[in-house]
N, C-alpha and C. Protein backbone atom coordinates (compact mmCIF):
# COMPACT_ATOMS: atom_id res chain seq x y z
N MET A 1 103.73 -100.00 76.79
CA MET A 1 103.16 -98.68 77.05
C MET A 1 104.25 -97.74 77.53
N THR A 2 104.17 -96.51 77.11
CA THR A 2 105.13 -95.50 77.57
C THR A 2 104.38 -94.42 78.32
N ILE A 3 104.88 -94.08 79.50
CA ILE A 3 104.24 -93.03 80.29
C ILE A 3 105.16 -91.83 80.37
N ILE A 4 104.61 -90.66 80.10
CA ILE A 4 105.39 -89.42 80.19
C ILE A 4 104.59 -88.42 81.00
N PHE A 5 105.18 -87.91 82.08
CA PHE A 5 104.46 -86.89 82.81
C PHE A 5 105.30 -85.65 83.02
N LEU A 6 104.65 -84.50 82.91
CA LEU A 6 105.32 -83.22 83.06
C LEU A 6 104.78 -82.54 84.31
N ILE A 7 105.68 -82.08 85.15
CA ILE A 7 105.26 -81.37 86.35
C ILE A 7 105.78 -79.95 86.26
N ASN A 8 104.86 -79.02 86.24
CA ASN A 8 105.23 -77.61 86.12
C ASN A 8 105.09 -76.94 87.48
N ILE A 9 106.21 -76.59 88.10
CA ILE A 9 106.19 -75.96 89.41
C ILE A 9 106.96 -74.65 89.35
N ASP A 10 106.27 -73.56 89.65
CA ASP A 10 106.90 -72.24 89.63
C ASP A 10 107.64 -72.00 88.31
N LYS A 11 106.97 -72.34 87.23
CA LYS A 11 107.48 -72.10 85.88
C LYS A 11 108.72 -72.92 85.52
N SER A 12 109.08 -73.91 86.36
CA SER A 12 110.19 -74.80 85.98
C SER A 12 109.60 -76.17 85.71
N ILE A 13 109.96 -76.75 84.57
CA ILE A 13 109.33 -78.00 84.15
C ILE A 13 110.26 -79.19 84.33
N THR A 14 109.73 -80.21 84.96
CA THR A 14 110.46 -81.46 85.10
C THR A 14 109.74 -82.53 84.29
N ALA A 15 110.45 -83.21 83.42
CA ALA A 15 109.83 -84.25 82.60
C ALA A 15 110.50 -85.59 82.87
N ARG A 16 109.67 -86.61 83.00
CA ARG A 16 110.22 -87.94 83.20
C ARG A 16 109.47 -88.92 82.30
N SER A 17 110.16 -89.95 81.86
CA SER A 17 109.49 -90.94 81.02
C SER A 17 110.03 -92.33 81.33
N ALA A 18 109.20 -93.31 81.13
CA ALA A 18 109.63 -94.69 81.36
C ALA A 18 108.80 -95.61 80.48
N ARG A 19 109.43 -96.66 79.99
CA ARG A 19 108.70 -97.63 79.18
C ARG A 19 108.34 -98.82 80.06
N MET A 20 107.08 -99.21 80.02
CA MET A 20 106.61 -100.27 80.89
C MET A 20 106.31 -101.54 80.09
N LYS A 21 106.77 -102.68 80.62
CA LYS A 21 106.59 -103.94 79.91
C LYS A 21 105.57 -104.84 80.61
N THR A 22 105.40 -104.67 81.91
CA THR A 22 104.45 -105.52 82.64
C THR A 22 103.54 -104.67 83.50
N GLU A 23 102.46 -105.29 83.95
CA GLU A 23 101.48 -104.60 84.79
C GLU A 23 102.12 -104.18 86.11
N ASN A 24 102.98 -105.02 86.67
CA ASN A 24 103.63 -104.71 87.95
C ASN A 24 104.49 -103.46 87.85
N GLN A 25 105.25 -103.33 86.77
CA GLN A 25 106.09 -102.16 86.59
C GLN A 25 105.23 -100.90 86.49
N GLN A 26 104.09 -101.03 85.84
CA GLN A 26 103.19 -99.89 85.69
C GLN A 26 102.68 -99.44 87.06
N ILE A 27 102.32 -100.41 87.90
CA ILE A 27 101.82 -100.09 89.24
C ILE A 27 102.91 -99.42 90.06
N ARG A 28 104.13 -99.94 90.00
CA ARG A 28 105.24 -99.35 90.75
C ARG A 28 105.50 -97.92 90.31
N LEU A 29 105.47 -97.69 89.01
CA LEU A 29 105.71 -96.35 88.49
C LEU A 29 104.61 -95.39 88.94
N THR A 30 103.38 -95.88 88.93
CA THR A 30 102.25 -95.06 89.37
C THR A 30 102.40 -94.67 90.83
N ILE A 31 102.80 -95.63 91.66
CA ILE A 31 103.00 -95.35 93.08
C ILE A 31 104.13 -94.35 93.28
N LYS A 32 105.22 -94.55 92.55
CA LYS A 32 106.36 -93.65 92.65
C LYS A 32 105.94 -92.24 92.22
N PHE A 33 105.15 -92.15 91.17
CA PHE A 33 104.66 -90.88 90.67
C PHE A 33 103.79 -90.19 91.73
N SER A 34 102.92 -90.96 92.36
CA SER A 34 102.04 -90.42 93.40
C SER A 34 102.84 -89.87 94.57
N PHE A 35 103.85 -90.62 95.01
CA PHE A 35 104.69 -90.16 96.10
C PHE A 35 105.43 -88.88 95.73
N SER A 36 105.89 -88.81 94.50
CA SER A 36 106.59 -87.61 94.03
C SER A 36 105.67 -86.40 94.09
N ILE A 37 104.44 -86.57 93.69
CA ILE A 37 103.47 -85.48 93.72
C ILE A 37 103.20 -85.07 95.16
N GLU A 38 103.06 -86.05 96.06
CA GLU A 38 102.78 -85.75 97.46
C GLU A 38 103.88 -84.92 98.10
N SER A 39 105.12 -85.17 97.71
CA SER A 39 106.24 -84.49 98.35
C SER A 39 106.44 -83.07 97.83
N MET A 40 105.72 -82.72 96.77
CA MET A 40 105.87 -81.39 96.20
C MET A 40 104.86 -80.41 96.79
N VAL A 41 105.20 -79.15 96.73
CA VAL A 41 104.34 -78.14 97.34
C VAL A 41 103.60 -77.33 96.27
N PHE A 42 102.28 -77.46 96.26
CA PHE A 42 101.43 -76.68 95.37
C PHE A 42 101.93 -76.63 93.91
N PRO A 43 101.94 -77.77 93.22
CA PRO A 43 102.32 -77.74 91.80
C PRO A 43 101.30 -76.91 91.02
N SER A 44 101.79 -76.06 90.15
CA SER A 44 100.90 -75.18 89.40
C SER A 44 100.13 -75.96 88.33
N SER A 45 100.74 -77.04 87.83
CA SER A 45 100.01 -77.87 86.87
C SER A 45 100.66 -79.24 86.76
N ILE A 46 99.84 -80.24 86.50
CA ILE A 46 100.34 -81.60 86.33
C ILE A 46 99.71 -82.18 85.07
N GLU A 47 100.55 -82.70 84.19
CA GLU A 47 100.04 -83.31 82.97
C GLU A 47 100.51 -84.76 82.89
N LEU A 48 99.58 -85.64 82.58
CA LEU A 48 99.92 -87.06 82.50
C LEU A 48 99.55 -87.59 81.12
N PHE A 49 100.52 -88.19 80.45
CA PHE A 49 100.29 -88.71 79.11
C PHE A 49 100.55 -90.21 79.08
N LEU A 50 99.60 -90.97 78.54
CA LEU A 50 99.77 -92.41 78.39
C LEU A 50 99.73 -92.77 76.92
N PHE A 51 100.75 -93.49 76.47
CA PHE A 51 100.80 -93.92 75.08
C PHE A 51 100.82 -95.43 75.00
N GLN A 52 99.95 -95.97 74.17
CA GLN A 52 99.87 -97.43 74.05
C GLN A 52 100.95 -97.94 73.12
């Protein structure tokens, strides 16, 4: 599975992607993603894409 998420904050876009091979890696990436969102201030939009 490949996860790609775009975070649009104040009209500047940050894109990150990672390929996941195991369930554990997916959980770690999800947690890391959540922490990243928490540390940001009022994101104007968040898009999450999951590809099988």
